[in-house]
Protein backbone atom coordinates (compact mmCIF):
# COMPACT_ATOMS: atom_id res chain seq x y z
CA MET A 1 14.93 14.67 -5.70
CA SER A 2 16.20 13.51 -9.09
CA VAL A 3 14.31 12.18 -12.12
CA ALA A 4 15.70 9.95 -14.88
CA SER A 5 13.59 9.30 -17.99
CA GLN A 6 13.86 6.51 -20.55
CA PRO A 7 11.04 5.90 -23.06
CA ILE A 8 10.46 2.46 -24.45
CA GLY A 9 10.50 2.37 -28.23
CA LEU A 10 7.33 0.44 -28.90
CA PRO A 11 5.34 0.49 -32.16
CA ALA A 12 2.02 2.32 -32.32
CA ALA A 13 -1.08 0.21 -31.80
CA ALA A 14 -3.07 -0.77 -34.85
CA ALA A 15 -6.45 -0.12 -33.22
CA THR A 16 -7.56 3.51 -32.95
CA GLY A 17 -7.35 4.64 -29.37
CA GLY A 18 -5.46 1.51 -28.33
CA ILE A 19 -2.31 1.49 -26.22
CA ALA A 20 0.51 2.87 -28.36
CA ARG A 21 3.51 3.15 -26.07
CA ILE A 22 4.62 2.81 -22.48
CA ARG A 23 7.37 4.83 -20.79
CA THR A 24 9.06 4.53 -17.42
CA ARG A 25 11.14 6.94 -15.35
CA VAL A 26 12.82 6.62 -11.98
CA VAL A 27 11.92 9.17 -9.30
CA ARG A 28 13.93 9.56 -6.10
CA ALA A 29 12.95 11.60 -3.06
CA ALA A 30 15.00 11.88 0.13
CA TYR A 31 13.32 10.92 3.39
CA ARG A 32 13.05 13.66 6.01
CA ARG A 33 14.88 11.21 8.26
CA PRO A 34 16.01 7.64 7.61
CA PHE A 35 13.05 5.24 7.63
CA ARG A 36 13.87 2.06 9.51
CA ILE A 37 11.97 -1.20 9.91
CA SER A 38 13.18 -4.60 11.13
CA SER A 39 14.34 -5.64 7.63
CA GLY A 40 16.51 -2.56 7.04
CA VAL A 41 16.88 1.20 6.80
CA SER A 42 16.45 3.54 3.82
CA ASN A 43 17.53 7.14 3.23
CA GLU A 44 15.46 7.75 0.12
CA LEU A 45 12.20 6.62 -1.43
CA VAL A 46 12.70 5.30 -4.96
CA SER A 47 9.75 4.84 -7.30
CA LEU A 48 9.18 3.96 -10.93
CA VAL A 49 6.65 6.17 -12.70
CA VAL A 50 4.85 4.42 -15.57
CA GLU A 51 3.11 6.29 -18.39
CA VAL A 52 0.67 4.53 -20.73
CA GLU A 53 -0.18 6.50 -23.90
CA THR A 54 -2.89 5.79 -26.44
CA THR A 55 -2.70 6.28 -30.20
CA ASP A 56 -4.77 9.43 -29.64
CA GLY A 57 -2.06 10.86 -27.37
CA VAL A 58 -3.97 10.47 -24.07
CA VAL A 59 -1.71 9.50 -21.16
CA GLY A 60 -2.38 7.66 -17.91
CA VAL A 61 0.19 7.78 -15.12
CA GLY A 62 1.00 5.00 -12.67
CA GLU A 63 3.66 4.37 -10.07
CA THR A 64 5.27 1.41 -8.40
CA SER A 65 7.86 1.29 -5.64
CA PRO A 66 9.62 -2.02 -4.99
CA MET A 67 10.91 -2.80 -1.50
CA THR A 68 13.36 -5.63 -2.12
CA ALA A 69 13.48 -6.93 1.46
CA TYR A 70 9.69 -7.01 1.54
CA THR A 71 8.61 -8.30 -1.90
CA GLY A 72 11.83 -9.70 -3.33
CA GLU A 73 11.56 -7.47 -6.41
CA THR A 74 14.26 -4.93 -7.28
CA LEU A 75 13.91 -1.63 -9.14
CA ALA A 76 15.98 -2.94 -12.04
CA GLY A 77 13.98 -6.15 -12.15
CA VAL A 78 10.64 -4.32 -12.09
CA ARG A 79 11.75 -2.01 -14.89
CA THR A 80 12.97 -4.93 -16.99
CA ALA A 81 9.73 -6.82 -16.39
CA ILE A 82 7.72 -3.85 -17.65
CA GLU A 83 9.92 -2.93 -20.60
CA ASP A 84 10.77 -6.40 -21.90
CA HIS A 85 7.65 -8.42 -21.09
CA LEU A 86 4.55 -6.56 -19.89
CA ALA A 87 4.61 -3.46 -22.09
CA PRO A 88 4.95 -5.40 -25.37
CA ALA A 89 2.02 -7.60 -24.28
CA LEU A 90 -0.20 -4.54 -23.76
CA VAL A 91 0.57 -2.55 -26.92
CA GLY A 92 -2.51 -2.54 -29.13
CA HIS A 93 -4.82 -3.50 -26.26
CA ASP A 94 -7.98 -1.54 -25.43
CA PRO A 95 -6.91 0.74 -22.54
CA LEU A 96 -10.35 0.50 -20.95
CA ASP A 97 -10.19 -3.29 -20.70
CA ARG A 98 -8.32 -3.48 -17.40
CA ALA A 99 -9.38 -7.05 -16.57
CA GLY A 100 -8.17 -8.16 -19.99
CA ALA A 101 -4.90 -6.34 -19.40
CA HIS A 102 -4.29 -8.50 -16.34
CA LEU A 103 -4.92 -11.64 -18.35
CA LEU A 104 -2.35 -10.48 -20.91
CA MET A 105 0.19 -9.56 -18.23
CA ASP A 106 -0.27 -12.85 -16.39
CA SER A 107 0.22 -14.75 -19.66
CA ALA A 108 3.37 -12.78 -20.44
CA LEU A 109 4.99 -13.06 -17.02
CA ARG A 110 4.25 -15.03 -13.88
CA GLY A 111 4.23 -13.16 -10.55
CA GLN A 112 5.89 -9.72 -10.62
CA HIS A 113 2.97 -8.04 -8.84
CA VAL A 114 4.95 -4.87 -8.14
CA ALA A 115 5.68 -4.42 -11.85
CA LYS A 116 2.09 -5.16 -12.87
CA SER A 117 0.71 -2.71 -10.32
CA GLY A 118 2.44 0.25 -11.97
CA LEU A 119 0.74 -0.52 -15.28
CA ASP A 120 -2.60 -1.25 -13.60
CA ILE A 121 -2.57 2.13 -11.81
CA ALA A 122 -1.71 3.90 -15.06
CA LEU A 123 -4.60 2.15 -16.83
CA HIS A 124 -7.02 3.25 -14.10
CA ASP A 125 -5.77 6.83 -14.36
CA LEU A 126 -6.13 6.65 -18.15
CA ALA A 127 -9.67 5.26 -17.90
CA GLY A 128 -10.59 8.13 -15.58
CA VAL A 129 -9.14 10.72 -17.94
CA LEU A 130 -10.95 9.20 -20.92
CA SER A 131 -14.28 8.91 -19.10
CA GLY A 132 -14.12 12.13 -17.09
CA TRP A 133 -14.62 10.25 -13.80
CA PRO A 134 -12.34 10.01 -10.75
CA VAL A 135 -10.90 6.55 -10.15
CA HIS A 136 -12.97 5.80 -7.03
CA VAL A 137 -16.15 6.08 -9.12
CA LEU A 138 -14.68 3.64 -11.64
CA LEU A 139 -14.04 1.27 -8.72
CA GLY A 140 -17.75 1.35 -7.98
CA GLY A 141 -18.00 3.57 -4.96
CA ASN A 142 -18.13 7.07 -3.54
CA ILE A 143 -18.34 5.96 0.11
CA ARG A 144 -16.01 8.58 1.57
CA SER A 145 -15.09 12.12 0.58
CA ARG A 146 -12.00 11.89 2.79
CA VAL A 147 -9.96 8.97 4.08
CA GLU A 148 -8.58 8.62 7.58
CA THR A 149 -4.91 7.70 7.68
CA ALA A 150 -2.62 6.44 10.39
CA TRP A 151 0.83 7.77 11.15
CA VAL A 152 3.59 5.14 10.88
CA VAL A 153 6.54 5.45 13.27
CA GLY A 154 9.76 3.77 12.11
CA LEU A 155 12.20 2.09 14.46
CA GLY A 156 14.22 4.22 16.88
CA THR A 157 14.77 4.54 20.60
CA LEU A 158 11.75 4.13 22.87
CA ASP A 159 11.81 7.84 23.73
CA GLU A 160 12.10 8.87 20.07
CA MET A 161 9.25 6.64 18.96
CA ALA A 162 6.95 7.66 21.83
CA ALA A 163 7.66 11.34 21.19
CA GLU A 164 6.97 11.01 17.45
CA ALA A 165 3.70 9.15 18.06
CA ALA A 166 2.58 11.79 20.56
CA GLU A 167 3.51 14.62 18.19
CA TYR A 168 1.43 13.23 15.35
CA ALA A 169 -1.46 12.34 17.61
CA GLU A 170 -1.59 16.01 18.61
CA ARG A 171 -1.59 16.96 14.90
CA GLY A 172 -4.79 14.98 14.38
CA PHE A 173 -3.73 11.40 13.68
CA ARG A 174 -6.01 9.28 15.86
CA HIS A 175 -4.49 5.96 14.80
CA LEU A 176 -0.75 5.41 15.26
CA LYS A 177 1.30 2.45 14.09
CA VAL A 178 4.73 1.68 15.47
CA LYS A 179 7.27 -0.66 13.93
CA GLY A 180 8.66 -3.51 16.00
CA GLY A 181 9.64 -7.12 15.53
CA GLU A 182 13.29 -7.04 16.57
CA ASP A 183 12.75 -8.04 20.23
CA PRO A 184 9.35 -8.99 21.76
CA SER A 185 10.37 -7.78 25.23
CA ARG A 186 11.44 -4.42 23.87
CA ASP A 187 8.22 -4.20 21.88
CA LEU A 188 6.24 -4.62 25.10
CA GLU A 189 8.18 -1.72 26.61
CA LEU A 190 7.58 0.26 23.43
CA VAL A 191 3.82 -0.31 23.48
CA ARG A 192 3.60 0.76 27.11
CA ALA A 193 5.75 3.86 26.51
CA VAL A 194 3.79 4.97 23.44
CA LEU A 195 0.40 4.39 25.05
CA ALA A 196 1.50 6.45 28.06
CA ALA A 197 2.45 9.30 25.70
CA LEU A 198 -0.73 9.29 23.61
CA PRO A 199 -3.77 11.46 24.37
CA PRO A 200 -7.14 9.86 25.23
CA GLY A 201 -8.92 8.39 22.22
CA ALA A 202 -5.81 7.62 20.21
CA GLU A 203 -5.48 4.01 18.97
CA LEU A 204 -2.22 2.09 18.68
CA CYS A 205 -1.14 -0.69 16.31
CA LEU A 206 2.13 -2.61 16.52
CA ASP A 207 3.60 -3.93 13.26
CA ALA A 208 5.90 -6.84 14.13
CA ASN A 209 6.87 -7.52 10.47
CA GLU A 210 7.00 -11.33 11.04
CA GLY A 211 9.38 -10.84 13.98
CA TYR A 212 7.89 -13.29 16.51
CA ASP A 213 7.61 -17.06 16.67
CA ALA A 214 4.71 -19.18 17.89
CA GLY A 215 6.30 -19.77 21.28
CA THR A 216 6.88 -16.12 22.24
CA ALA A 217 4.01 -14.36 20.48
CA LEU A 218 1.10 -15.34 22.72
CA PRO A 219 2.49 -14.31 26.13
CA VAL A 220 3.94 -11.00 24.98
CA LEU A 221 0.91 -10.04 22.88
CA SER A 222 -1.41 -10.89 25.78
CA LYS A 223 0.49 -8.39 27.90
CA MET A 224 0.28 -5.80 25.12
CA ALA A 225 -3.47 -6.35 24.89
CA ASP A 226 -3.76 -5.80 28.64
CA ALA A 227 -1.78 -2.58 28.25
CA GLY A 228 -4.28 -1.28 25.68
CA LEU A 229 -2.86 -2.21 22.27
CA ALA A 230 -5.72 -2.20 19.75
CA LEU A 231 -4.24 -4.05 16.79
CA VAL A 232 -1.20 -6.18 15.97
CA GLU A 233 0.06 -6.63 12.42
CA GLN A 234 1.81 -9.77 11.13
CA PRO A 235 3.39 -11.06 14.34
CA LEU A 236 4.31 -14.46 12.84
CA PRO A 237 6.10 -15.50 9.61
CA ARG A 238 3.97 -15.17 6.49
CA TRP A 239 3.73 -18.95 6.02
CA ASP A 240 2.44 -19.71 9.53
CA LEU A 241 -1.31 -19.40 9.02
CA ALA A 242 -1.96 -22.15 11.57
CA GLY A 243 -0.08 -20.12 14.17
CA LEU A 244 -2.05 -17.00 13.28
CA VAL A 245 -5.30 -18.94 13.70
CA ARG A 246 -4.23 -20.08 17.19
CA LEU A 247 -3.20 -16.55 18.16
CA ARG A 248 -6.49 -15.10 16.97
CA GLU A 249 -8.46 -17.68 18.96
CA ARG A 250 -6.59 -16.91 22.19
CA LEU A 251 -5.96 -13.15 22.06
CA ASP A 252 -8.31 -10.36 23.05
CA LEU A 253 -6.69 -8.28 20.33
CA ARG A 254 -7.44 -7.73 16.66
CA LEU A 255 -4.96 -9.43 14.35
CA MET A 256 -4.05 -8.06 10.92
CA VAL A 257 -2.12 -9.83 8.15
CA ASP A 258 0.17 -8.17 5.65
CA GLU A 259 3.10 -10.29 4.45
CA SER A 260 0.89 -13.41 4.53
CA MET A 261 -1.33 -11.92 1.82
CA GLN A 262 0.50 -11.50 -1.47
CA SER A 263 -2.38 -12.40 -3.80
CA LEU A 264 -6.11 -12.98 -4.17
CA GLN A 265 -5.48 -16.69 -3.56
CA ASP A 266 -3.66 -15.90 -0.31
CA ALA A 267 -6.60 -13.77 0.81
CA LEU A 268 -9.02 -16.61 0.08
CA GLU A 269 -7.00 -19.03 2.21
CA ILE A 270 -6.67 -16.53 5.08
CA VAL A 271 -10.41 -15.88 5.32
CA ARG A 272 -11.21 -19.57 4.80
CA ARG A 273 -9.05 -20.53 7.78
CA GLY A 274 -10.03 -17.56 9.94
CA ALA A 275 -6.44 -16.36 10.30
CA ALA A 276 -7.12 -12.62 10.57
CA ASP A 277 -9.56 -9.94 11.68
CA VAL A 278 -8.15 -7.40 9.20
CA LEU A 279 -6.57 -7.70 5.74
CA ASN A 280 -3.93 -5.09 4.95
CA ILE A 281 -4.35 -4.55 1.20
CA LYS A 282 -1.29 -2.96 -0.38
CA ILE A 283 -1.98 -2.19 -4.02
CA LEU A 284 1.59 -2.66 -5.18
CA LYS A 285 1.95 -5.96 -3.34
CA VAL A 286 -1.12 -7.62 -4.87
CA GLY A 287 -0.74 -6.40 -8.46
CA GLY A 288 -2.76 -3.19 -8.69
CA LEU A 289 -6.21 -1.75 -8.10
CA HIS A 290 -8.00 -4.46 -10.06
CA ARG A 291 -6.66 -7.23 -7.82
CA ALA A 292 -6.97 -5.09 -4.68
CA LEU A 293 -10.66 -4.55 -5.35
CA GLN A 294 -11.18 -8.29 -5.83
CA ILE A 295 -9.60 -8.89 -2.40
CA ALA A 296 -11.76 -6.17 -0.84
CA HIS A 297 -14.89 -7.84 -2.21
CA LEU A 298 -13.72 -11.19 -0.85
CA ALA A 299 -13.14 -9.63 2.57
CA GLU A 300 -16.58 -8.04 2.52
CA ALA A 301 -18.19 -11.39 1.75
CA ALA A 302 -16.29 -13.00 4.64
CA GLY A 303 -17.05 -10.19 7.10
CA VAL A 304 -13.35 -9.28 7.47
CA ALA A 305 -12.30 -5.65 7.79
CA VAL A 306 -9.84 -3.99 5.40
CA LYS A 307 -6.96 -1.60 5.86
CA VAL A 308 -5.57 0.06 2.74
CA GLY A 309 -1.82 0.07 3.24
CA SER A 310 1.32 1.30 1.51
CA MET A 311 4.93 0.15 1.22
CA PRO A 312 5.52 3.25 1.21
CA GLU A 313 5.35 5.00 -2.15
CA LEU A 314 5.08 8.52 -3.58
CA GLY A 315 2.04 10.53 -4.60
CA VAL A 316 0.61 8.67 -7.60
CA ALA A 317 0.50 5.21 -5.99
CA THR A 318 -0.67 6.77 -2.73
CA LEU A 319 -3.52 8.47 -4.60
CA ALA A 320 -4.49 5.06 -5.98
CA ALA A 321 -4.75 3.86 -2.38
CA VAL A 322 -6.86 6.91 -1.47
CA HIS A 323 -9.33 6.09 -4.25
CA LEU A 324 -9.51 2.45 -3.19
CA ALA A 325 -10.20 3.39 0.43
CA ALA A 326 -12.87 5.82 -0.74
CA ALA A 327 -14.65 3.13 -2.74
CA VAL A 328 -14.53 0.13 -0.38
CA PRO A 329 -17.21 -0.03 2.36
CA GLY A 330 -15.16 -2.44 4.46
CA ALA A 331 -12.06 -0.20 4.57
CA THR A 332 -12.89 0.78 8.14
CA VAL A 333 -9.38 0.57 9.64
CA PRO A 334 -7.47 3.85 9.10
CA ALA A 335 -5.26 3.58 6.03
CA ASP A 336 -1.47 3.91 5.79
CA LEU A 337 -1.03 6.79 3.35
CA VAL A 338 2.04 8.53 4.70
CA GLY A 339 4.65 7.92 1.97
CA PRO A 340 4.40 11.45 0.55
CA LEU A 341 4.60 12.87 4.08
CA LEU A 342 7.86 11.06 4.86
CA VAL A 343 9.90 12.76 2.11
CA ARG A 344 11.35 16.24 1.96
CA GLU A 345 9.79 17.07 -1.41
CA GLU A 346 6.82 15.18 -2.90
CA PRO A 347 7.12 15.48 -6.70
CA LEU A 348 3.99 13.72 -7.97
CA ALA A 349 0.97 15.00 -6.02
CA PRO A 350 2.15 17.78 -3.67
CA LYS A 351 -1.21 19.59 -3.62
CA THR A 352 -3.05 16.60 -2.19
CA PHE A 353 -0.46 15.85 0.47
CA SER A 354 0.63 19.35 1.48
CA ASP A 355 -1.59 19.55 4.56
CA VAL A 356 -2.51 16.12 5.95
CA ASN A 357 -3.31 15.86 9.64
CA GLY A 358 -4.96 12.49 9.92
CA TRP A 359 -7.24 12.81 6.89
CA VAL A 360 -6.69 12.86 3.11
CA GLU A 361 -9.25 14.51 0.86
CA VAL A 362 -10.34 12.27 -2.02
CA PRO A 363 -9.67 13.98 -5.39
CA THR A 364 -12.70 14.56 -7.58
CA ARG A 365 -10.85 15.36 -10.81
CA PRO A 366 -10.83 12.77 -13.62
CA GLY A 367 -8.43 9.90 -13.08
CA LEU A 368 -6.22 9.79 -10.00
CA GLY A 369 -6.08 13.56 -9.61
CA HIS A 370 -2.27 13.84 -9.50
CA ASP A 371 -0.37 17.08 -10.19
CA LEU A 372 1.86 15.88 -13.03
């Protein structure tokens, strides 16, 4: 693990207790083993830690972790967006006005959800520190004292993936997700092999990462459903909502969207068209906790279940996901909170993620409850 720090020289805010300065630093942590999905392989998890400080010297900590192949945003681009555009727009702003902060950020820069999420998470942590409340209370809920999480198995050989899924099922993870999407026929073999290796009661999800097309998805997914697959994630390209609607109508299998939902507006269109049974809400993808909570409320109104996902990221952003899952009644699908478990040394919240076997305890300290 290595840490590089570079403060942004911003003027102090005029209003007492307003946002005075914002700093960023890059944090790198090596994966225990290379993490591979259909869009590429990575040997280390790289995050950008964001610190928002008030004129009174109180600091809130956020984190964002761009995955270029997934969101199109690079680490350098995210850092530039924060330092040159978003941070100057927020200096002097009331740190408790998180909705107003999003209006300012959206006026300063279009898109850039990954960059905005780092600041949003820091503002939620800061609000918790200032108020004395944990973030899940600020989000309006205390539904769960612990959050169930799935184990995510990256691409490998069939034997390797089945063995890893079985190992973590024995450790206490009752919901397993395996990566696929490179070859539908191989994915069918994978699903059968993993299900044969899992103990009774374990549930399996396949994440196809947009790897199928409308012609091949239905027959292969029907066979997977017959084999016992419980959930399939993003089998078709993100733009093909009509295809997702047809799949959902014909499959005896729950369908979850991820890449198709990049914003609150995307979520509205998905539920309007009936394109999914589950929305995978990734905080960094949609712009932070404020936007994620809006999507969760929309899903609740539409009767659509929620999964709180990750991209993955390190401890601070993962804690934000824990608080969201603790506050949202509809977050009934086990979350994906394994980023800190995939690296050799977790530098941001090691106490929370030192002993996770299918469940993450929700911190009750003010703010996010990180260990920085």
